[in-house]
Amino acid sequence: MEVKTIQCPLWHTSVQISTYIPARGVTEYMAMIVPEPGIGDFAEQLDHLHSTVGYLLAEKWEGKALPLLKRYFVSDAANQEMILRICPEAISVVQQPPLNGSKVCLWMWLRTEAELPVCRHNGYSHYFTAGMSEVEGDSERQTHVLLRRYEKMLNQWGGNLADQCIRTWFFVRDVDVNYAGVVKGRKEEFVRLGLTEQTHYLTSTGIQGQNADPRCSVLLDAYAVDGLEKGQIRFLYAPEYLNPTYEYGVTFERGTAVEYGDRKHIFISGTASIDNQGKIVCPGDITGQMRRMLLNIGALLREAGSSLADMAHMIVYLRDIADYTVVKTLLEEQFPDVPKVIVLAPVCRPGWLIETECIAIKAGGNPKFRDL
């Protein structure tokens, strides 16, 4: 995994890029594009961002890489989302204000030898679904509706949620109020689909986030893969560091490793400062919580045969704006060039000051499976 930061002074942006180039086959990139704060209004920053994307696609990657997933982190969806709707690149738009002061940042996941809307390659079909929303009912009802709608979509593609879905993201408006409804609705849908503590759940993030519609309490993004063989998916637990999520009433996996012939993808759920008894480690201490959080993430990655050195991107969620400088300093010391963004997004349990999700790409894989 190669990571680096490039500056684009013409458009007042910086780009952190991770690159995985195998001996053969598909090259993968992750990029985080961050406009310089204080330069222009939202429309100008968005224009600078899109100019940077155009440069990367045409010049940096010579037209060989295609974005499969794009997520815009915006500071004020009510006033910004309509501008983004006219842009073909706007796949997922979430109000999670970037804490560096920019009005918008963009995360992209790209591959060579890709196609859209479904990325089909070497016997696999990769389905990226973003921006699903519902406006009727409370957060519990909306969660039911969204998961049933997503299950129906997968059925139409010839799959199902239990077997093909790798990861979900639940963005919850006013998470301290509405998260309980999401937990209840998700658990009931999972039971209906046969996802229990005896079978498995899905790697997931449940975090503060919203769109421009005040009636919408829950947004859903998801990633699914069809064509996987038995044994390609492995769930991660790190029981010496973390307890099973069902012990404190929620239903998601800590992490999922998907092994291909030429690499391994490791998806780590939103992970906080928790121990294997389900207790918050270092209450009120942002530095202590950050260190324990990274310890937990490292343990999950090790279980998959990986490490923090394989991280392709990070999304860091903070509850308190005042913690930004401390967190940024520690991240820049340990992960200076890894694509990352720090956003304002309270975690589902008030005592957790910080949470991070990530994707790692590990070289190698298992020759008994097809390459990506």
Protein backbone atom coordinates (compact mmCIF):
# COMPACT_ATOMS: atom_id res chain seq x y z
CA MET A 1 0.00 0.00 0.00
CA GLU A 2 1.39 3.36 -1.04
CA VAL A 3 0.02 6.54 0.54
CA LYS A 4 0.90 10.12 -0.32
CA THR A 5 -0.39 13.68 -0.21
CA ILE A 6 -0.40 15.96 -3.22
CA GLN A 7 -1.16 19.68 -3.31
CA CYS A 8 -3.21 21.30 -6.06
CA PRO A 9 -2.54 25.04 -5.55
CA LEU A 10 -4.43 26.01 -8.71
CA TRP A 11 -7.65 24.85 -7.03
CA HIS A 12 -6.66 25.39 -3.38
CA THR A 13 -7.07 21.69 -2.55
CA SER A 14 -5.01 18.91 -1.03
CA VAL A 15 -5.46 15.24 -1.89
CA GLN A 16 -4.46 12.21 0.17
CA ILE A 17 -4.28 9.08 -1.98
CA SER A 18 -3.77 5.41 -1.14
CA THR A 19 -2.82 3.07 -3.99
CA TYR A 20 -2.85 -0.70 -4.15
CA ILE A 21 -1.16 -2.09 -7.27
CA PRO A 22 -1.12 -5.91 -7.47
CA ALA A 23 1.25 -7.94 -9.59
CA ARG A 24 -1.68 -8.47 -11.95
CA GLY A 25 -5.24 -7.26 -12.30
CA VAL A 26 -7.18 -4.40 -10.77
CA THR A 27 -5.49 -1.36 -9.20
CA GLU A 28 -7.41 0.34 -6.38
CA TYR A 29 -7.27 3.92 -5.16
CA MET A 30 -8.85 5.79 -2.30
CA ALA A 31 -8.71 9.56 -2.29
CA MET A 32 -9.75 12.24 0.17
CA ILE A 33 -10.00 15.70 -1.41
CA VAL A 34 -10.03 18.65 0.99
CA PRO A 35 -10.47 22.28 -0.13
CA GLU A 36 -8.48 24.92 1.70
CA PRO A 37 -10.78 26.42 4.34
CA GLY A 38 -11.69 30.07 4.00
CA ILE A 39 -11.15 30.17 0.22
CA GLY A 40 -14.50 30.92 -1.39
CA ASP A 41 -18.06 30.00 -0.55
CA PHE A 42 -19.57 26.53 -0.87
CA ALA A 43 -20.10 26.74 -4.63
CA GLU A 44 -16.50 27.84 -5.19
CA GLN A 45 -15.08 25.12 -2.96
CA LEU A 46 -17.23 22.55 -4.76
CA ASP A 47 -15.99 23.83 -8.11
CA HIS A 48 -12.37 23.58 -6.89
CA LEU A 49 -13.07 20.07 -5.67
CA HIS A 50 -14.55 18.98 -9.00
CA SER A 51 -11.67 20.54 -10.93
CA THR A 52 -9.33 18.47 -8.77
CA VAL A 53 -11.36 15.33 -9.50
CA GLY A 54 -11.14 16.05 -13.23
CA TYR A 55 -7.38 16.45 -13.00
CA LEU A 56 -6.97 13.21 -11.06
CA LEU A 57 -9.11 11.18 -13.45
CA ALA A 58 -7.65 12.58 -16.66
CA GLU A 59 -4.03 13.32 -15.75
CA LYS A 60 -3.07 11.41 -12.62
CA TRP A 61 -4.84 8.17 -13.52
CA GLU A 62 -4.92 8.74 -17.31
CA GLY A 63 -8.58 7.82 -17.64
CA LYS A 64 -7.96 4.28 -16.39
CA ALA A 65 -9.63 4.57 -12.96
CA LEU A 66 -13.34 4.98 -12.32
CA PRO A 67 -14.94 6.15 -9.05
CA LEU A 68 -17.22 3.46 -7.65
CA LEU A 69 -18.22 5.29 -4.49
CA LYS A 70 -18.22 9.00 -3.69
CA ARG A 71 -19.24 10.53 -0.41
CA TYR A 72 -19.51 14.27 0.11
CA PHE A 73 -19.18 15.51 3.69
CA VAL A 74 -20.97 18.87 3.83
CA SER A 75 -21.29 21.49 6.53
CA ASP A 76 -24.90 22.61 5.90
CA ALA A 77 -27.04 20.21 3.88
CA ALA A 78 -30.13 22.45 3.97
CA ASN A 79 -28.32 25.11 1.94
CA GLN A 80 -25.87 22.94 0.02
CA GLU A 81 -27.57 19.72 -1.02
CA MET A 82 -29.58 21.19 -3.91
CA ILE A 83 -26.38 22.46 -5.53
CA LEU A 84 -24.90 18.99 -5.29
CA ARG A 85 -27.97 17.33 -6.76
CA ILE A 86 -27.19 18.72 -10.22
CA CYS A 87 -23.73 17.13 -10.16
CA PRO A 88 -23.47 13.58 -11.55
CA GLU A 89 -20.72 12.85 -9.03
CA ALA A 90 -23.03 13.39 -6.03
CA ILE A 91 -23.66 9.82 -4.96
CA SER A 92 -23.76 10.12 -1.18
CA VAL A 93 -24.23 13.48 0.53
CA VAL A 94 -24.15 13.64 4.33
CA GLN A 95 -24.14 16.61 6.65
CA GLN A 96 -21.10 15.84 8.78
CA PRO A 97 -19.17 19.12 8.85
CA PRO A 98 -15.44 18.75 8.12
CA LEU A 99 -13.66 20.08 11.18
CA ASN A 100 -10.76 21.67 9.30
CA GLY A 101 -13.16 24.49 8.37
CA SER A 102 -13.91 23.45 4.79
CA LYS A 103 -17.53 23.49 3.66
CA VAL A 104 -17.22 20.22 1.75
CA CYS A 105 -14.80 17.28 1.45
CA LEU A 106 -14.97 14.26 -0.84
CA TRP A 107 -13.99 10.64 -0.32
CA MET A 108 -13.66 8.46 -3.43
CA TRP A 109 -13.03 4.74 -3.91
CA LEU A 110 -11.76 4.00 -7.41
CA ARG A 111 -10.68 0.99 -9.46
CA THR A 112 -9.25 0.26 -12.86
CA GLU A 113 -11.06 -2.18 -15.16
CA ALA A 114 -14.36 -0.98 -13.64
CA GLU A 115 -17.78 -0.13 -14.99
CA LEU A 116 -20.94 1.48 -13.67
CA PRO A 117 -23.62 1.37 -12.36
CA VAL A 118 -22.61 -2.17 -11.32
CA CYS A 119 -18.91 -3.00 -11.21
CA ARG A 120 -18.69 -6.47 -12.76
CA HIS A 121 -15.27 -8.06 -13.07
CA ASN A 122 -13.84 -11.57 -12.94
CA GLY A 123 -17.11 -13.16 -11.84
CA TYR A 124 -17.89 -10.64 -9.09
CA SER A 125 -20.58 -7.96 -9.08
CA HIS A 126 -20.04 -5.04 -6.70
CA TYR A 127 -23.14 -3.04 -5.75
CA PHE A 128 -22.70 0.39 -4.18
CA THR A 129 -25.96 1.88 -2.90
CA ALA A 130 -26.02 5.38 -1.43
CA GLY A 131 -28.38 8.04 -0.18
CA MET A 132 -31.39 5.84 0.57
CA SER A 133 -33.89 7.81 2.64
CA GLU A 134 -37.46 7.79 3.91
CA VAL A 135 -39.58 10.67 5.23
CA GLU A 136 -42.58 8.94 6.81
CA GLY A 137 -42.62 7.85 10.44
CA ASP A 138 -40.03 7.84 13.20
CA SER A 139 -36.49 6.46 13.04
CA GLU A 140 -37.64 2.93 13.87
CA ARG A 141 -40.18 2.83 11.04
CA GLN A 142 -37.75 4.46 8.60
CA THR A 143 -35.14 1.82 9.42
CA HIS A 144 -37.65 -0.94 8.69
CA VAL A 145 -38.60 0.68 5.38
CA LEU A 146 -35.00 1.27 4.27
CA LEU A 147 -33.80 -2.25 5.03
CA ARG A 148 -36.81 -3.81 3.31
CA ARG A 149 -36.29 -1.56 0.30
CA TYR A 150 -32.62 -2.52 0.16
CA GLU A 151 -33.43 -6.22 0.51
CA LYS A 152 -35.86 -5.90 -2.40
CA MET A 153 -33.16 -4.25 -4.51
CA LEU A 154 -30.73 -7.07 -3.78
CA ASN A 155 -33.44 -9.63 -4.59
CA GLN A 156 -33.97 -7.96 -7.97
CA TRP A 157 -30.24 -8.29 -8.63
CA GLY A 158 -30.39 -11.99 -7.74
CA GLY A 159 -28.95 -11.69 -4.25
CA ASN A 160 -30.06 -11.18 -0.66
CA LEU A 161 -29.03 -9.03 2.24
CA ALA A 162 -27.81 -11.81 4.51
CA ASP A 163 -25.39 -13.34 2.00
CA GLN A 164 -24.29 -10.50 -0.28
CA CYS A 165 -24.25 -7.35 1.87
CA ILE A 166 -20.77 -6.62 3.23
CA ARG A 167 -21.25 -3.26 4.92
CA THR A 168 -23.86 -0.67 5.86
CA TRP A 169 -23.81 2.93 7.05
CA PHE A 170 -26.72 4.37 9.04
CA PHE A 171 -26.63 8.17 9.26
CA VAL A 172 -28.99 9.30 12.02
CA ARG A 173 -30.39 12.79 12.53
CA ASP A 174 -30.08 13.78 16.22
CA VAL A 175 -28.41 10.50 17.10
CA ASP A 176 -28.92 10.88 20.86
CA VAL A 177 -32.69 10.84 20.29
CA ASN A 178 -33.17 8.67 17.20
CA TYR A 179 -30.51 5.97 17.46
CA ALA A 180 -32.61 3.77 19.76
CA GLY A 181 -35.24 3.51 17.03
CA VAL A 182 -32.61 2.52 14.47
CA VAL A 183 -31.30 -0.18 16.81
CA LYS A 184 -34.78 -1.61 17.37
CA GLY A 185 -35.80 -1.50 13.71
CA ARG A 186 -32.54 -3.03 12.50
CA LYS A 187 -32.65 -5.82 15.06
CA GLU A 188 -36.21 -6.75 14.10
CA GLU A 189 -35.39 -6.77 10.39
CA PHE A 190 -32.26 -8.84 10.99
CA VAL A 191 -34.22 -11.43 12.95
CA ARG A 192 -36.69 -11.63 10.07
CA LEU A 193 -33.78 -12.21 7.68
CA GLY A 194 -32.07 -14.80 9.89
CA LEU A 195 -29.27 -12.52 11.07
CA THR A 196 -28.77 -13.29 14.76
CA GLU A 197 -25.97 -13.77 17.28
CA GLN A 198 -25.91 -17.46 16.25
CA THR A 199 -25.39 -16.62 12.55
CA HIS A 200 -23.83 -13.25 11.78
CA TYR A 201 -24.58 -9.55 11.43
CA LEU A 202 -23.09 -6.92 9.10
CA THR A 203 -20.16 -4.58 9.54
CA SER A 204 -21.70 -1.15 10.05
CA THR A 205 -21.44 2.42 11.23
CA GLY A 206 -24.32 4.12 13.07
CA ILE A 207 -23.49 7.78 13.48
CA GLN A 208 -24.90 11.31 13.47
CA GLY A 209 -25.59 12.48 9.92
CA GLN A 210 -28.42 13.98 7.92
CA ASN A 211 -29.62 15.33 4.60
CA ALA A 212 -31.59 18.50 3.84
CA ASP A 213 -35.06 17.07 4.57
CA PRO A 214 -36.00 17.51 8.26
CA ARG A 215 -38.54 14.67 7.95
CA CYS A 216 -35.74 12.21 7.23
CA SER A 217 -34.32 10.71 10.43
CA VAL A 218 -32.22 7.95 8.81
CA LEU A 219 -30.04 7.65 5.70
CA LEU A 220 -28.68 4.32 4.48
CA ASP A 221 -25.60 3.55 2.37
CA ALA A 222 -24.53 -0.03 1.66
CA TYR A 223 -22.03 -2.18 -0.21
CA ALA A 224 -22.73 -5.71 -1.44
CA VAL A 225 -20.79 -8.28 -3.49
CA ASP A 226 -22.25 -11.13 -5.53
CA GLY A 227 -20.13 -14.03 -6.75
CA LEU A 228 -18.25 -14.76 -3.54
CA GLU A 229 -17.56 -18.39 -2.68
CA LYS A 230 -17.89 -20.08 0.69
CA GLY A 231 -14.96 -19.12 2.87
CA GLN A 232 -14.23 -15.76 1.27
CA ILE A 233 -15.96 -13.81 4.06
CA ARG A 234 -14.66 -13.85 7.61
CA PHE A 235 -16.03 -11.88 10.54
CA LEU A 236 -13.67 -10.25 13.03
CA TYR A 237 -14.08 -10.14 16.82
CA ALA A 238 -10.80 -9.47 18.73
CA PRO A 239 -12.46 -10.77 21.94
CA GLU A 240 -9.47 -9.91 24.10
CA TYR A 241 -10.15 -6.23 23.33
CA LEU A 242 -13.86 -5.90 22.47
CA ASN A 243 -17.05 -7.65 23.50
CA PRO A 244 -19.74 -8.90 21.08
CA THR A 245 -22.06 -6.06 20.15
CA TYR A 246 -25.20 -8.01 21.01
CA GLU A 247 -24.13 -7.95 24.67
CA TYR A 248 -25.10 -4.27 24.82
CA GLY A 249 -28.15 -4.55 22.61
CA VAL A 250 -26.91 -3.70 19.12
CA THR A 251 -26.54 -5.89 16.06
CA PHE A 252 -23.46 -5.38 13.92
CA GLU A 253 -20.10 -7.05 13.34
CA ARG A 254 -16.88 -5.41 14.50
CA GLY A 255 -15.30 -6.06 11.13
CA THR A 256 -15.42 -8.17 7.98
CA ALA A 257 -12.55 -9.51 5.87
CA VAL A 258 -13.25 -10.42 2.24
CA GLU A 259 -10.48 -12.49 0.71
CA TYR A 260 -9.79 -12.58 -3.01
CA GLY A 261 -7.08 -14.37 -4.93
CA ASP A 262 -4.84 -11.32 -5.07
CA ARG A 263 -5.75 -9.26 -1.98
CA LYS A 264 -7.89 -8.98 1.10
CA HIS A 265 -10.37 -6.19 1.86
CA ILE A 266 -10.90 -5.52 5.56
CA PHE A 267 -13.88 -3.38 6.56
CA ILE A 268 -13.79 -2.09 10.14
CA SER A 269 -17.03 -0.82 11.66
CA GLY A 270 -17.18 2.46 13.49
CA THR A 271 -14.94 1.65 16.46
CA ALA A 272 -14.69 3.55 19.73
CA SER A 273 -12.88 3.32 23.07
CA ILE A 274 -14.48 0.17 24.48
CA ASP A 275 -13.16 -2.85 26.37
CA ASN A 276 -14.19 -6.50 26.26
CA GLN A 277 -16.74 -5.89 29.01
CA GLY A 278 -18.52 -3.26 26.92
CA LYS A 279 -17.33 -0.40 29.12
CA ILE A 280 -16.06 2.98 27.95
CA VAL A 281 -12.28 3.23 28.38
CA CYS A 282 -10.93 6.61 29.54
CA PRO A 283 -14.22 8.51 30.04
CA GLY A 284 -13.81 12.21 29.30
CA ASP A 285 -10.22 11.79 28.06
CA ILE A 286 -9.96 12.32 24.30
CA THR A 287 -6.30 11.29 24.09
CA GLY A 288 -6.88 8.11 26.08
CA GLN A 289 -9.99 7.25 24.09
CA MET A 290 -8.18 7.77 20.80
CA ARG A 291 -5.34 5.47 21.84
CA ARG A 292 -7.72 2.73 22.97
CA MET A 293 -9.76 3.12 19.77
CA LEU A 294 -6.65 2.61 17.63
CA LEU A 295 -5.63 -0.34 19.82
CA ASN A 296 -9.02 -1.93 19.11
CA ILE A 297 -8.79 -1.26 15.38
CA GLY A 298 -5.29 -2.70 15.29
CA ALA A 299 -6.47 -5.85 17.08
CA LEU A 300 -9.28 -6.36 14.55
CA LEU A 301 -6.87 -5.88 11.66
CA ARG A 302 -4.36 -8.33 13.16
CA GLU A 303 -7.10 -10.95 13.39
CA ALA A 304 -7.46 -10.57 9.63
CA GLY A 305 -3.70 -10.90 9.09
CA SER A 306 -3.35 -7.17 8.51
CA SER A 307 -2.19 -4.10 10.41
CA LEU A 308 -2.62 -0.34 10.66
CA ALA A 309 0.00 -0.04 7.91
CA ASP A 310 -2.54 -1.45 5.42
CA MET A 311 -5.18 1.22 6.04
CA ALA A 312 -6.47 2.69 2.78
CA HIS A 313 -8.68 5.35 4.36
CA MET A 314 -10.13 6.57 7.67
CA ILE A 315 -13.22 8.53 8.64
CA VAL A 316 -12.94 9.99 12.13
CA TYR A 317 -16.07 11.13 13.97
CA LEU A 318 -15.91 13.61 16.86
CA ARG A 319 -18.59 14.67 19.32
CA ASP A 320 -16.86 17.84 20.51
CA ILE A 321 -15.35 20.43 18.16
CA ALA A 322 -12.89 21.39 20.89
CA ASP A 323 -11.14 18.01 20.54
CA TYR A 324 -10.24 18.57 16.88
CA THR A 325 -6.73 19.98 17.34
CA VAL A 326 -5.63 17.18 19.66
CA VAL A 327 -7.02 14.48 17.37
CA LYS A 328 -5.60 16.04 14.21
CA THR A 329 -2.13 16.28 15.76
CA LEU A 330 -2.13 12.63 16.86
CA LEU A 331 -3.44 11.42 13.49
CA GLU A 332 -0.89 13.41 11.51
CA GLU A 333 1.89 11.92 13.63
CA GLN A 334 0.81 8.32 13.01
CA PHE A 335 -0.98 8.48 9.64
CA PRO A 336 0.34 11.58 7.85
CA ASP A 337 -0.65 10.58 4.31
CA VAL A 338 -3.47 8.07 4.79
CA PRO A 339 -6.69 9.43 3.19
CA LYS A 340 -8.73 10.68 6.13
CA VAL A 341 -11.23 13.26 7.23
CA ILE A 342 -12.27 14.40 10.70
CA VAL A 343 -15.92 15.39 10.90
CA LEU A 344 -18.37 16.60 13.51
CA ALA A 345 -20.64 13.62 14.13
CA PRO A 346 -21.59 12.56 17.66
CA VAL A 347 -21.20 8.84 18.33
CA CYS A 348 -24.18 6.69 19.31
CA ARG A 349 -23.21 6.53 23.01
CA PRO A 350 -22.69 10.00 24.55
CA GLY A 351 -19.66 8.91 26.57
CA TRP A 352 -17.71 8.05 23.43
CA LEU A 353 -15.88 11.17 22.32
CA ILE A 354 -14.42 9.68 19.15
CA GLU A 355 -15.08 6.87 16.69
CA THR A 356 -13.23 5.77 13.55
CA GLU A 357 -14.09 3.50 10.65
CA CYS A 358 -11.62 2.33 8.05
CA ILE A 359 -10.94 0.06 5.11
CA ALA A 360 -7.64 -1.79 4.80
CA ILE A 361 -6.29 -3.56 1.73
CA LYS A 362 -3.84 -6.38 2.42
CA ALA A 363 -1.59 -7.80 -0.26
CA GLY A 364 -1.57 -11.52 -0.92
CA GLY A 365 -4.96 -13.14 -0.80
CA ASN A 366 -5.78 -16.81 -1.25
CA PRO A 367 -5.06 -18.52 -4.60
CA LYS A 368 -8.06 -20.82 -4.18
CA PHE A 369 -10.28 -17.78 -4.88
CA ARG A 370 -10.58 -15.64 -8.00
CA ASP A 371 -8.74 -12.32 -8.10
CA LEU A 372 -10.78 -9.17 -7.51
